[in-house]
Structures are given as C-alpha cells and as structure tokens.
Amino acid sequence: MQVRRQDAPPRFTALTYELRLVADEPQRRIDLLHQNLLRFGTVYNTPAAACDIDGTVVPVAPPAG
C-alpha cells in the first residue's frame, strides 16, 4: 500500500493498494469481488470519502498439495 499525504492541513490525499488474494477462481469472479468491495466495503468507503483511492486485486494460486 502506498499513501500520499499533505502537511497543511494534515490529511491523506491518495491511497494506492494491491490486494493479493490466494484463490483458485476465474478472473471474472476476482473482478466481481473487487467491484463488490468498492461498492459495499466499509473499510474502502470510509477513506474514499476523504481521498482518492486506486488499486487492484491480484489472484495468487494456492500452493499445490
């Protein structure tokens, strides 16, 4: 995660994230999850009201076994 802030007045100006998700799901479902996080996620929507947020969800294959 990368956060940019300004000093006067003190506040965040932008937040960039990369969420790595261990999942064996098609990209379509990963994209749907990301859309739902953007639309309904409290943790996302609270800072989004105060600064710009941009990010991605990257699927990571589960370990073989």
C-alpha atoms as a PDB file:
ATOM      1  CA  MET A   1       0.000   0.000   0.000  1.00  0.00           C
ATOM      2  CA  GLN A   2       1.180   3.487  -0.773  1.00  0.00           C
ATOM      3  CA  VAL A   3      -0.310   6.531   0.904  1.00  0.00           C
ATOM      4  CA  ARG A   4       0.299  10.147  -0.081  1.00  0.00           C
ATOM      5  CA  ARG A   5      -0.381  12.911   2.400  1.00  0.00           C
ATOM      6  CA  GLN A   6      -0.102  16.635   2.706  1.00  0.00           C
ATOM      7  CA  ASP A   7       1.194  18.520   5.710  1.00  0.00           C
ATOM      8  CA  ALA A   8      -1.009  21.611   5.806  1.00  0.00           C
ATOM      9  CA  PRO A   9      -3.731  20.869   6.574  1.00  0.00           C
ATOM     10  CA  PRO A  10      -2.720  17.312   7.522  1.00  0.00           C
ATOM     11  CA  ARG A  11      -4.679  14.759   5.521  1.00  0.00           C
ATOM     12  CA  PHE A  12      -4.305  11.842   3.157  1.00  0.00           C
ATOM     13  CA  THR A  13      -4.533  12.835  -0.489  1.00  0.00           C
ATOM     14  CA  ALA A  14      -4.300   9.445  -2.188  1.00  0.00           C
ATOM     15  CA  LEU A  15      -4.143   5.757  -1.348  1.00  0.00           C
ATOM     16  CA  THR A  16      -2.947   3.045  -3.749  1.00  0.00           C
ATOM     17  CA  TYR A  17      -3.215  -0.664  -2.931  1.00  0.00           C
ATOM     18  CA  GLU A  18      -2.577  -4.127  -4.313  1.00  0.00           C
ATOM     19  CA  LEU A  19      -4.587  -6.851  -2.607  1.00  0.00           C
ATOM     20  CA  ARG A  20      -3.113 -10.325  -3.161  1.00  0.00           C
ATOM     21  CA  LEU A  21      -5.801 -12.955  -2.829  1.00  0.00           C
ATOM     22  CA  VAL A  22      -4.964 -16.653  -2.600  1.00  0.00           C
ATOM     23  CA  ALA A  23      -7.734 -18.189  -4.667  1.00  0.00           C
ATOM     24  CA  ASP A  24      -8.359 -20.755  -7.343  1.00  0.00           C
ATOM     25  CA  GLU A  25     -11.097 -18.714  -9.018  1.00  0.00           C
ATOM     26  CA  PRO A  26     -11.507 -17.402 -12.556  1.00  0.00           C
ATOM     27  CA  GLN A  27     -10.550 -13.755 -13.161  1.00  0.00           C
ATOM     28  CA  ARG A  28     -14.234 -12.911 -13.692  1.00  0.00           C
ATOM     29  CA  ARG A  29     -15.019 -13.809 -10.060  1.00  0.00           C
ATOM     30  CA  ILE A  30     -11.977 -11.925  -8.752  1.00  0.00           C
ATOM     31  CA  ASP A  31     -13.154  -8.835 -10.661  1.00  0.00           C
ATOM     32  CA  LEU A  32     -16.657  -9.229  -9.221  1.00  0.00           C
ATOM     33  CA  LEU A  33     -15.243  -9.444  -5.699  1.00  0.00           C
ATOM     34  CA  HIS A  34     -13.257  -6.258  -6.304  1.00  0.00           C
ATOM     35  CA  GLN A  35     -16.347  -4.454  -7.623  1.00  0.00           C
ATOM     36  CA  ASN A  36     -18.312  -5.501  -4.517  1.00  0.00           C
ATOM     37  CA  LEU A  37     -15.524  -4.274  -2.228  1.00  0.00           C
ATOM     38  CA  LEU A  38     -15.575  -0.907  -3.998  1.00  0.00           C
ATOM     39  CA  ARG A  39     -19.342  -0.630  -3.856  1.00  0.00           C
ATOM     40  CA  PHE A  40     -20.179  -2.024  -0.410  1.00  0.00           C
ATOM     41  CA  GLY A  41     -16.954  -2.210   1.616  1.00  0.00           C
ATOM     42  CA  THR A  42     -16.963  -0.032   4.725  1.00  0.00           C
ATOM     43  CA  VAL A  43     -13.174  -0.150   5.021  1.00  0.00           C
ATOM     44  CA  TYR A  44     -12.932   1.095   1.422  1.00  0.00           C
ATOM     45  CA  ASN A  45     -15.722   3.670   1.512  1.00  0.00           C
ATOM     46  CA  THR A  46     -14.643   5.432   4.710  1.00  0.00           C
ATOM     47  CA  PRO A  47     -11.266   6.698   3.400  1.00  0.00           C
ATOM     48  CA  ALA A  48     -12.706   7.079  -0.131  1.00  0.00           C
ATOM     49  CA  ALA A  49     -14.852   9.900   1.204  1.00  0.00           C
ATOM     50  CA  ALA A  50     -11.668  11.804   2.125  1.00  0.00           C
ATOM     51  CA  CYS A  51      -9.116  10.955  -0.585  1.00  0.00           C
ATOM     52  CA  ASP A  52      -8.590   9.288  -3.963  1.00  0.00           C
ATOM     53  CA  ILE A  53      -8.222   5.507  -3.819  1.00  0.00           C
ATOM     54  CA  ASP A  54      -6.953   3.279  -6.610  1.00  0.00           C
ATOM     55  CA  GLY A  55      -5.936  -0.342  -6.525  1.00  0.00           C
ATOM     56  CA  THR A  56      -6.059  -3.860  -7.866  1.00  0.00           C
ATOM     57  CA  VAL A  57      -6.852  -7.368  -6.675  1.00  0.00           C
ATOM     58  CA  VAL A  58      -4.256  -9.884  -7.833  1.00  0.00           C
ATOM     59  CA  PRO A  59      -5.110 -13.576  -7.668  1.00  0.00           C
ATOM     60  CA  VAL A  60      -2.346 -15.831  -6.363  1.00  0.00           C
ATOM     61  CA  ALA A  61      -2.604 -19.577  -6.966  1.00  0.00           C
ATOM     62  CA  PRO A  62      -2.912 -21.664  -3.817  1.00  0.00           C
ATOM     63  CA  PRO A  63       0.077 -23.878  -3.026  1.00  0.00           C
ATOM     64  CA  ALA A  64      -0.049 -27.351  -4.563  1.00  0.00           C
ATOM     65  CA  GLY A  65      -0.755 -30.083  -2.152  1.00  0.00           C
END
